[in-house]
């Protein structure tokens, strides 16, 4: 598979523009997904499930629901009309194509590659001569969607989703180019981006619009990173700078005030974190202090007042929105799967801005809990909301009329190899723990790292220098859950007296080093064959929420390592909503390779409360069984609880 490296700004022929300024870059640089290859027992099977089940299924649903036909009609290849319930249905095709592109980077797949080529050809045929493509308007006639408006962009601030669609096109096109080296989809995206830059802006002949549903901001930055054309970065910043200065000024769309004056996460959660991700991109690349100050305040508000223990965000069904500070209900929690994915995007970009491990602490918690709960273990059904309590009304569905979550899962999980490592100068950041082989450039020299682990079930990691002899500093993330921090801030805290320890050695010799910004640093002249061994104690622990979180008072959550646990009805033949944990619970960990695709199960003594025939309260000793939260709702609808009572009150 051809590898594409990102120092492409020097290749003048790549971009449609005449001149390219030297590209401004992130201080902390990602290691491309094309250079990290998983051998992991937890994540590689999930990626293969996305390849073999989810992506083919999602493409088939796009065919059945006429999403792909819309492009054929727009191209004049088929007769017909726009035949989708929403004008943003184009975006689902792009998102699945993005995921398929990541899969092509994992291993060659001639069938998938050919199918992608056919879709790209179809999209190119549907594109209008000046680059514009929005199938409902391109098709036109009586079938144009009522949300579209009569002219380009005029209804963008409300419901047209033109820029939302094109943002997902940019992201898919960049992924396809990086994975395959083929330019055809990238050229389509560049042509459309040039159309956007011509038509929207501050110029006398331009329209001053901002995206109604954000994502174009972060997508334009990604297009800038691969082309080096600064006008795309400038366009992203224009969209952000203009927000709050147009006729739309509501909190739902984060337009209630200029973005650099915002300090609280509000409104539609997915739109919000996509915008915050774009802000973090601009802050990281430009160093704009007003952006840095604003995005840091917003992030602090989320992690200290508005995030669930699972990493989910967005408390309210109404508006799919953030609630007030400390408003974190469990039974009615919304926690949209797309919002969890956006939360990962935001925290990753904040790491690229600041280089602090706390962002990966949030990212990891979201990844292993509130994100992968959104897709079934067999890859064929999905959650839209991800509540933390259930009375039997939730089950994953194979598809939705608004199919943003299935298509988003399709694109995110195959992209995970790009999140494992990062590089800054002569420093190598090890941010996620999973078995892989990676090729990194450190001070322009190649090194190959091999990582082996059974994480998240076991806390032992082995890192080997498979190639490379040079000086560099390896920076190992010591997760917050090892260091006694559930999350940054005081929203959650461990409620037991346990003190897990960690150990690090190089070639069998212990390493003693301080942890700064969440990283333990090992600076040395590395040589081929050097081995770093890491051990994290993985102890079941109980967590209490800040007393201001009304829904969690008198309750605790249980976690082990990065995994949050829940009690579910198939494992407990009593009413789990009325269970009472012991004040100092002791947990037994049992490996269950045959259950739910292989999990570690927890059990502890508890009491089930009920009333006898005389109406007296009765406490019955029971054994409470807990499973990972991500694995719930695979055995039928029924009761589930993450936050379990520990106080009689």
Foldseek 3Di string as FASTA:
>chain_A
DDADDQCCQVVCVQAPDDDFDRFFDFLWFFFALLFWAFPFPPQVVVLVLLVPPQLVLLVVVCVVQCVLVLLCLLLVVDDDADRAPALLSLLLVLLSLLLLLLVCSNDNDVVSVVVSVVSLVSNVSNADPQLAHRSLVSNDDPRRDPQCDPDPPPNQLPGNCRLVSLLSLLSSQLSNCRRPVDCSSVVSSSSNLVVCLVAEDDDPNHHPHAGNQDQQLVSLLSNCSRHSHCSSNVVSVSNQQCQLVDPDQDQQQPRVHRQLPAQEFKHQLLSRLSNLLSLLSNCRRVVPVSSVVRSVNHVCQCQAFAADLQLFGQAAPVRSITDPGLAHAFAHGFRFLSSLLSLLSNLLSNCSRPVFLLSLLSNLSSVQGSNLLQAAPSRQFGDGGQGQWAAFPDATHRADSPRPNSSNNSNPSSRVSRRQWIARAQEIEGRDAGFIWGWDQHNNDIWIKTKHDNPPVFFKIKIFTQDDWAWGKYWYADHPVQVQHSHPHQFKGFDDDDHKDKWKDKPPHTDDADADSRIGIDTDGDHGGIMMMMHTDWAKTWMAGDVSNVNQPQWIFIDTRSFTKKFWCVVFPAPQQQKAAELHWDWDWDWDCPPSNTFIKIKTWIWGWDADPVRDIDTDIDITIITTNSRPNPPHTRIMHRIGHHDPD
